């Protein structure tokens, strides 16, 4: 019969697996940093344009509503 693994071995393997996963995530983020940055910037620009557009169009619609024929 084989001996069961010790608690220290189990914890060491768990920490090693967590470290590997975090390292893989960090590598993936670093490899795609340019794309991630572009998406963040384009998203921020889209939100700001949408916000400004809402203000402009609500003002124009109010102005047209004020015109009576």
N, C-alpha and C. Protein backbone atom coordinates (compact mmCIF):
# COMPACT_ATOMS: atom_id res chain seq x y z
N UNK A 1 0.84 -1.19 0.00
CA UNK A 1 0.00 0.00 0.00
C UNK A 1 0.88 1.25 0.00
N UNK A 2 0.38 2.24 -0.67
CA UNK A 2 1.13 3.49 -0.69
C UNK A 2 0.67 4.39 0.45
N UNK A 3 1.55 5.25 0.85
CA UNK A 3 1.21 6.16 1.94
C UNK A 3 0.49 7.37 1.39
N UNK A 4 -0.48 7.87 2.10
CA UNK A 4 -1.19 9.06 1.63
C UNK A 4 -0.26 10.27 1.66
N UNK A 5 -0.53 11.25 0.79
CA UNK A 5 0.33 12.44 0.79
C UNK A 5 0.13 13.25 2.08
N UNK A 6 1.17 13.92 2.45
CA UNK A 6 1.07 14.74 3.67
C UNK A 6 0.33 16.04 3.37
N UNK A 7 -0.13 16.69 4.42
CA UNK A 7 -0.85 17.96 4.28
C UNK A 7 0.07 19.00 3.63
N UNK A 8 1.34 18.98 3.98
CA UNK A 8 2.28 19.93 3.40
C UNK A 8 2.40 19.75 1.90
N UNK A 9 2.44 18.49 1.44
CA UNK A 9 2.52 18.24 -0.01
C UNK A 9 1.26 18.72 -0.72
N UNK A 10 0.12 18.45 -0.11
CA UNK A 10 -1.15 18.87 -0.73
C UNK A 10 -1.22 20.40 -0.82
N UNK A 11 -0.89 21.08 0.27
CA UNK A 11 -0.92 22.55 0.25
C UNK A 11 0.09 23.12 -0.72
N UNK A 12 1.26 22.50 -0.79
CA UNK A 12 2.28 22.95 -1.73
C UNK A 12 1.79 22.79 -3.17
N UNK A 13 1.14 21.68 -3.48
CA UNK A 13 0.62 21.47 -4.84
C UNK A 13 -0.50 22.46 -5.16
N UNK A 14 -1.34 22.75 -4.18
CA UNK A 14 -2.43 23.72 -4.40
C UNK A 14 -1.85 25.11 -4.66
N UNK A 15 -0.89 25.52 -3.86
CA UNK A 15 -0.27 26.84 -4.06
C UNK A 15 0.48 26.91 -5.39
N UNK A 16 1.10 25.82 -5.77
CA UNK A 16 1.79 25.78 -7.06
C UNK A 16 0.80 25.91 -8.21
N UNK A 17 -0.35 25.25 -8.10
CA UNK A 17 -1.37 25.35 -9.15
C UNK A 17 -1.94 26.77 -9.22
N UNK A 18 -2.20 27.38 -8.08
CA UNK A 18 -2.71 28.77 -8.06
C UNK A 18 -1.69 29.71 -8.67
N UNK A 19 -0.43 29.49 -8.33
CA UNK A 19 0.64 30.32 -8.89
C UNK A 19 0.72 30.17 -10.40
N UNK A 20 0.55 28.96 -10.90
CA UNK A 20 0.59 28.72 -12.35
C UNK A 20 -0.57 29.42 -13.05
N UNK A 21 -1.76 29.35 -12.45
CA UNK A 21 -2.93 29.99 -13.06
C UNK A 21 -2.76 31.50 -13.09
N UNK A 22 -2.32 32.09 -11.99
CA UNK A 22 -2.12 33.54 -11.94
C UNK A 22 -1.03 33.96 -12.93
N UNK A 23 0.02 33.16 -13.04
CA UNK A 23 1.06 33.46 -14.02
C UNK A 23 0.55 33.40 -15.45
N UNK A 24 -0.30 32.42 -15.74
CA UNK A 24 -0.87 32.32 -17.09
C UNK A 24 -1.78 33.50 -17.40
N UNK A 25 -2.57 33.93 -16.42
CA UNK A 25 -3.45 35.09 -16.62
C UNK A 25 -2.62 36.35 -16.85
N UNK A 26 -1.58 36.53 -16.06
CA UNK A 26 -0.72 37.71 -16.22
C UNK A 26 -0.03 37.71 -17.58
N UNK A 27 0.40 36.55 -18.03
CA UNK A 27 1.04 36.45 -19.34
C UNK A 27 0.05 36.78 -20.45
N UNK A 28 -1.17 36.28 -20.34
CA UNK A 28 -2.19 36.56 -21.36
C UNK A 28 -2.52 38.05 -21.41
N UNK A 29 -2.62 38.68 -20.24
CA UNK A 29 -2.90 40.12 -20.21
C UNK A 29 -1.73 40.90 -20.82
N UNK A 30 -0.50 40.49 -20.48
CA UNK A 30 0.67 41.19 -21.01
C UNK A 30 0.78 41.01 -22.53
N UNK A 31 0.45 39.83 -23.02
CA UNK A 31 0.53 39.58 -24.46
C UNK A 31 -0.51 40.38 -25.23
N UNK A 32 -1.65 40.66 -24.60
CA UNK A 32 -2.74 41.35 -25.29
C UNK A 32 -2.97 42.76 -24.75
N UNK A 33 -1.96 43.36 -24.15
CA UNK A 33 -2.12 44.67 -23.54
C UNK A 33 -2.52 45.74 -24.56
N UNK A 34 -1.98 45.67 -25.76
CA UNK A 34 -2.31 46.67 -26.77
C UNK A 34 -3.78 46.59 -27.16
N UNK A 35 -4.28 45.38 -27.35
CA UNK A 35 -5.69 45.20 -27.72
C UNK A 35 -6.59 45.64 -26.57
N UNK A 36 -6.24 45.26 -25.35
CA UNK A 36 -7.04 45.65 -24.19
C UNK A 36 -7.08 47.16 -24.05
N UNK A 37 -5.95 47.82 -24.22
CA UNK A 37 -5.90 49.28 -24.14
C UNK A 37 -6.75 49.94 -25.22
N UNK A 38 -6.69 49.39 -26.43
CA UNK A 38 -7.49 49.94 -27.52
C UNK A 38 -8.98 49.81 -27.23
N UNK A 39 -9.38 48.66 -26.73
CA UNK A 39 -10.80 48.44 -26.41
C UNK A 39 -11.26 49.40 -25.32
N UNK A 40 -10.43 49.61 -24.30
CA UNK A 40 -10.80 50.53 -23.22
C UNK A 40 -10.94 51.95 -23.74
N UNK A 41 -10.00 52.39 -24.57
CA UNK A 41 -10.05 53.76 -25.09
C UNK A 41 -11.24 53.95 -26.02
N UNK A 42 -11.48 53.00 -26.92
CA UNK A 42 -12.61 53.11 -27.84
C UNK A 42 -13.93 53.09 -27.06
N UNK A 43 -14.01 52.26 -26.03
CA UNK A 43 -15.23 52.23 -25.21
C UNK A 43 -15.46 53.54 -24.50
N UNK A 44 -14.40 54.12 -23.95
CA UNK A 44 -14.54 55.41 -23.26
C UNK A 44 -14.96 56.50 -24.24
N UNK A 45 -14.39 56.49 -25.43
CA UNK A 45 -14.79 57.48 -26.44
C UNK A 45 -16.24 57.30 -26.86
N UNK A 46 -16.67 56.04 -27.01
CA UNK A 46 -18.05 55.78 -27.41
C UNK A 46 -19.02 56.26 -26.34
N UNK A 47 -18.70 56.02 -25.08
CA UNK A 47 -19.58 56.47 -24.00
C UNK A 47 -19.64 57.99 -23.95
N UNK A 48 -18.50 58.66 -24.13
CA UNK A 48 -18.52 60.12 -24.09
C UNK A 48 -19.26 60.72 -25.28
N UNK A 49 -19.09 60.14 -26.46
CA UNK A 49 -19.83 60.63 -27.63
C UNK A 49 -21.32 60.41 -27.45
N UNK A 50 -21.69 59.26 -26.88
CA UNK A 50 -23.11 58.99 -26.64
C UNK A 50 -23.69 59.98 -25.64
N UNK A 51 -22.93 60.30 -24.60
CA UNK A 51 -23.39 61.25 -23.59
C UNK A 51 -23.58 62.64 -24.20
N UNK A 52 -22.61 63.08 -24.97
CA UNK A 52 -22.71 64.40 -25.61
C UNK A 52 -23.85 64.40 -26.62
N UNK A 53 -24.00 63.31 -27.36
CA UNK A 53 -25.08 63.22 -28.34
C UNK A 53 -26.45 63.31 -27.70
N UNK A 54 -26.61 62.66 -26.55
CA UNK A 54 -27.90 62.74 -25.86
C UNK A 54 -28.21 64.18 -25.46
N UNK A 55 -27.22 64.90 -24.97
CA UNK A 55 -27.44 66.28 -24.56
C UNK A 55 -27.81 67.15 -25.76
N UNK A 56 -27.08 66.96 -26.86
CA UNK A 56 -27.34 67.77 -28.05
C UNK A 56 -28.72 67.47 -28.61
N UNK A 57 -29.06 66.19 -28.75
CA UNK A 57 -30.35 65.86 -29.36
C UNK A 57 -31.52 66.19 -28.46
N UNK A 58 -31.34 66.10 -27.13
CA UNK A 58 -32.44 66.51 -26.25
C UNK A 58 -32.65 68.02 -26.34
N UNK A 59 -31.57 68.78 -26.48
CA UNK A 59 -31.70 70.22 -26.66
C UNK A 59 -32.36 70.58 -27.97
N UNK A 60 -31.99 69.88 -29.03
CA UNK A 60 -32.61 70.14 -30.34
C UNK A 60 -34.08 69.76 -30.34
N UNK A 61 -34.41 68.64 -29.72
CA UNK A 61 -35.81 68.23 -29.70
C UNK A 61 -36.64 69.21 -28.89
N UNK A 62 -36.07 69.73 -27.81
CA UNK A 62 -36.77 70.76 -27.04
C UNK A 62 -36.98 72.04 -27.84
N UNK A 63 -35.97 72.39 -28.63
CA UNK A 63 -36.07 73.58 -29.46
C UNK A 63 -37.15 73.40 -30.52
N UNK A 64 -37.18 72.21 -31.18
CA UNK A 64 -38.20 71.95 -32.19
C UNK A 64 -39.59 71.87 -31.56
N UNK A 65 -39.68 71.37 -30.33
CA UNK A 65 -40.95 71.28 -29.64
C UNK A 65 -41.48 72.69 -29.35
N UNK A 66 -40.56 73.63 -29.14
CA UNK A 66 -40.95 75.01 -28.85
C UNK A 66 -41.50 75.75 -30.07
N UNK A 67 -41.18 75.25 -31.25
CA UNK A 67 -41.69 75.88 -32.47
C UNK A 67 -43.14 75.46 -32.68
N UNK A 68 -43.99 76.39 -32.86
CA UNK A 68 -45.40 76.07 -33.15
C UNK A 68 -45.75 76.71 -34.47
N UNK A 69 -46.45 75.94 -35.25
CA UNK A 69 -46.84 76.44 -36.57
C UNK A 69 -48.30 76.72 -36.61
